[in-house]
Amino acid sequence: MDVASALQLSDAFAELPDTAGASVELDLAGVTFIDSSGLTALLRLADSVEAAGGTTVIRNPSETVTKLLAITQLESRFGLS
């Protein structure tokens, strides 16, 4: 997940149906790279879902994702605490 794919992710996230009160689950098992733009896309999705009363959960985080969320202290934001 880099600057190019983050733009695609943001576009895809914008097309999600109404997430009011819903849990949005992301399977990130196959993510081998994630930079700040990828993390920003995930945080924007979480902000949007939370504003509608829902939650964003990361399932099967790869080692790369796990390390980034630990370094940034965002594990609990995505249900990994």
C-alpha atoms as a PDB file:
ATOM      1  CA  MET A   1       0.000   0.000   0.000  1.00  0.00           C
ATOM      2  CA  ASP A   2       1.753   3.079  -1.284  1.00  0.00           C
ATOM      3  CA  VAL A   3       0.773   6.473  -2.661  1.00  0.00           C
ATOM      4  CA  ALA A   4      -0.566   4.984  -5.926  1.00  0.00           C
ATOM      5  CA  SER A   5      -2.642   2.246  -4.342  1.00  0.00           C
ATOM      6  CA  ALA A   6      -3.775   4.531  -1.497  1.00  0.00           C
ATOM      7  CA  LEU A   7      -5.590   6.686  -4.038  1.00  0.00           C
ATOM      8  CA  GLN A   8      -7.310   3.602  -5.438  1.00  0.00           C
ATOM      9  CA  LEU A   9      -8.195   2.456  -1.916  1.00  0.00           C
ATOM     10  CA  SER A  10      -9.649   5.839  -1.031  1.00  0.00           C
ATOM     11  CA  ASP A  11     -11.793   5.735  -4.174  1.00  0.00           C
ATOM     12  CA  ALA A  12     -12.976   2.203  -3.344  1.00  0.00           C
ATOM     13  CA  PHE A  13     -13.692   3.156   0.277  1.00  0.00           C
ATOM     14  CA  ALA A  14     -15.765   6.129  -0.923  1.00  0.00           C
ATOM     15  CA  GLU A  15     -18.022   3.702  -2.797  1.00  0.00           C
ATOM     16  CA  LEU A  16     -18.843   1.592   0.251  1.00  0.00           C
ATOM     17  CA  PRO A  17     -22.548   1.377   1.035  1.00  0.00           C
ATOM     18  CA  ASP A  18     -23.905   3.139   4.117  1.00  0.00           C
ATOM     19  CA  THR A  19     -21.824   1.990   7.080  1.00  0.00           C
ATOM     20  CA  ALA A  20     -24.093   3.399   9.792  1.00  0.00           C
ATOM     21  CA  GLY A  21     -23.534   1.217  12.846  1.00  0.00           C
ATOM     22  CA  ALA A  22     -21.722  -1.410  10.789  1.00  0.00           C
ATOM     23  CA  SER A  23     -18.374  -3.089  11.205  1.00  0.00           C
ATOM     24  CA  VAL A  24     -16.100  -2.795   8.181  1.00  0.00           C
ATOM     25  CA  GLU A  25     -13.559  -5.619   8.139  1.00  0.00           C
ATOM     26  CA  LEU A  26     -10.353  -5.485   6.121  1.00  0.00           C
ATOM     27  CA  ASP A  27      -8.290  -8.626   5.477  1.00  0.00           C
ATOM     28  CA  LEU A  28      -4.702  -7.409   5.182  1.00  0.00           C
ATOM     29  CA  ALA A  29      -2.964 -10.792   5.170  1.00  0.00           C
ATOM     30  CA  GLY A  30      -1.411 -10.148   1.759  1.00  0.00           C
ATOM     31  CA  VAL A  31      -0.043  -6.670   2.486  1.00  0.00           C
ATOM     32  CA  THR A  32       3.754  -6.776   2.201  1.00  0.00           C
ATOM     33  CA  PHE A  33       4.354  -3.007   2.189  1.00  0.00           C
ATOM     34  CA  ILE A  34       2.486  -0.071   3.670  1.00  0.00           C
ATOM     35  CA  ASP A  35       3.683   3.519   3.808  1.00  0.00           C
ATOM     36  CA  SER A  36       2.222   6.647   5.371  1.00  0.00           C
ATOM     37  CA  SER A  37      -0.224   7.158   2.488  1.00  0.00           C
ATOM     38  CA  GLY A  38      -1.582   3.653   2.931  1.00  0.00           C
ATOM     39  CA  LEU A  39      -1.944   4.241   6.664  1.00  0.00           C
ATOM     40  CA  THR A  40      -3.654   7.568   5.969  1.00  0.00           C
ATOM     41  CA  ALA A  41      -6.175   5.835   3.690  1.00  0.00           C
ATOM     42  CA  LEU A  42      -6.955   3.338   6.465  1.00  0.00           C
ATOM     43  CA  LEU A  43      -7.333   6.122   9.030  1.00  0.00           C
ATOM     44  CA  ARG A  44      -9.642   8.118   6.759  1.00  0.00           C
ATOM     45  CA  LEU A  45     -11.801   5.042   6.284  1.00  0.00           C
ATOM     46  CA  ALA A  46     -11.884   4.479  10.059  1.00  0.00           C
ATOM     47  CA  ASP A  47     -12.808   8.137  10.651  1.00  0.00           C
ATOM     48  CA  SER A  48     -15.648   7.925   8.139  1.00  0.00           C
ATOM     49  CA  VAL A  49     -16.994   4.640   9.499  1.00  0.00           C
ATOM     50  CA  GLU A  50     -16.741   5.839  13.106  1.00  0.00           C
ATOM     51  CA  ALA A  51     -18.527   9.088  12.240  1.00  0.00           C
ATOM     52  CA  ALA A  52     -21.424   6.915  11.051  1.00  0.00           C
ATOM     53  CA  GLY A  53     -21.398   4.931  14.298  1.00  0.00           C
ATOM     54  CA  GLY A  54     -19.502   1.905  13.014  1.00  0.00           C
ATOM     55  CA  THR A  55     -16.110   0.310  13.530  1.00  0.00           C
ATOM     56  CA  THR A  56     -13.212  -0.625  11.272  1.00  0.00           C
ATOM     57  CA  VAL A  57     -11.480  -3.920  12.038  1.00  0.00           C
ATOM     58  CA  ILE A  58      -8.329  -5.345  10.475  1.00  0.00           C
ATOM     59  CA  ARG A  59      -8.380  -9.123  10.149  1.00  0.00           C
ATOM     60  CA  ASN A  60      -5.339 -11.298   9.460  1.00  0.00           C
ATOM     61  CA  PRO A  61      -2.811  -8.460   9.524  1.00  0.00           C
ATOM     62  CA  SER A  62       0.471  -9.330   7.885  1.00  0.00           C
ATOM     63  CA  GLU A  63       3.671  -8.914   9.895  1.00  0.00           C
ATOM     64  CA  THR A  64       4.256  -5.632   8.061  1.00  0.00           C
ATOM     65  CA  VAL A  65       0.845  -4.265   9.052  1.00  0.00           C
ATOM     66  CA  THR A  66       1.204  -5.524  12.623  1.00  0.00           C
ATOM     67  CA  LYS A  67       4.574  -3.776  13.014  1.00  0.00           C
ATOM     68  CA  LEU A  68       3.304  -0.480  11.576  1.00  0.00           C
ATOM     69  CA  LEU A  69       0.240  -0.423  13.802  1.00  0.00           C
ATOM     70  CA  ALA A  70       2.414  -1.212  16.837  1.00  0.00           C
ATOM     71  CA  ILE A  71       4.916   1.537  16.008  1.00  0.00           C
ATOM     72  CA  THR A  72       2.126   4.076  15.508  1.00  0.00           C
ATOM     73  CA  GLN A  73       0.189   2.748  18.527  1.00  0.00           C
ATOM     74  CA  LEU A  74      -2.948   2.230  16.434  1.00  0.00           C
ATOM     75  CA  GLU A  75      -3.657  -1.445  17.232  1.00  0.00           C
ATOM     76  CA  SER A  76      -6.738  -0.666  19.309  1.00  0.00           C
ATOM     77  CA  ARG A  77      -8.094   1.697  16.633  1.00  0.00           C
ATOM     78  CA  PHE A  78      -8.460  -1.325  14.358  1.00  0.00           C
ATOM     79  CA  GLY A  79      -9.545  -3.943  16.890  1.00  0.00           C
ATOM     80  CA  LEU A  80      -6.118  -5.476  17.455  1.00  0.00           C
ATOM     81  CA  SER A  81      -5.545  -4.649  21.116  1.00  0.00           C
END
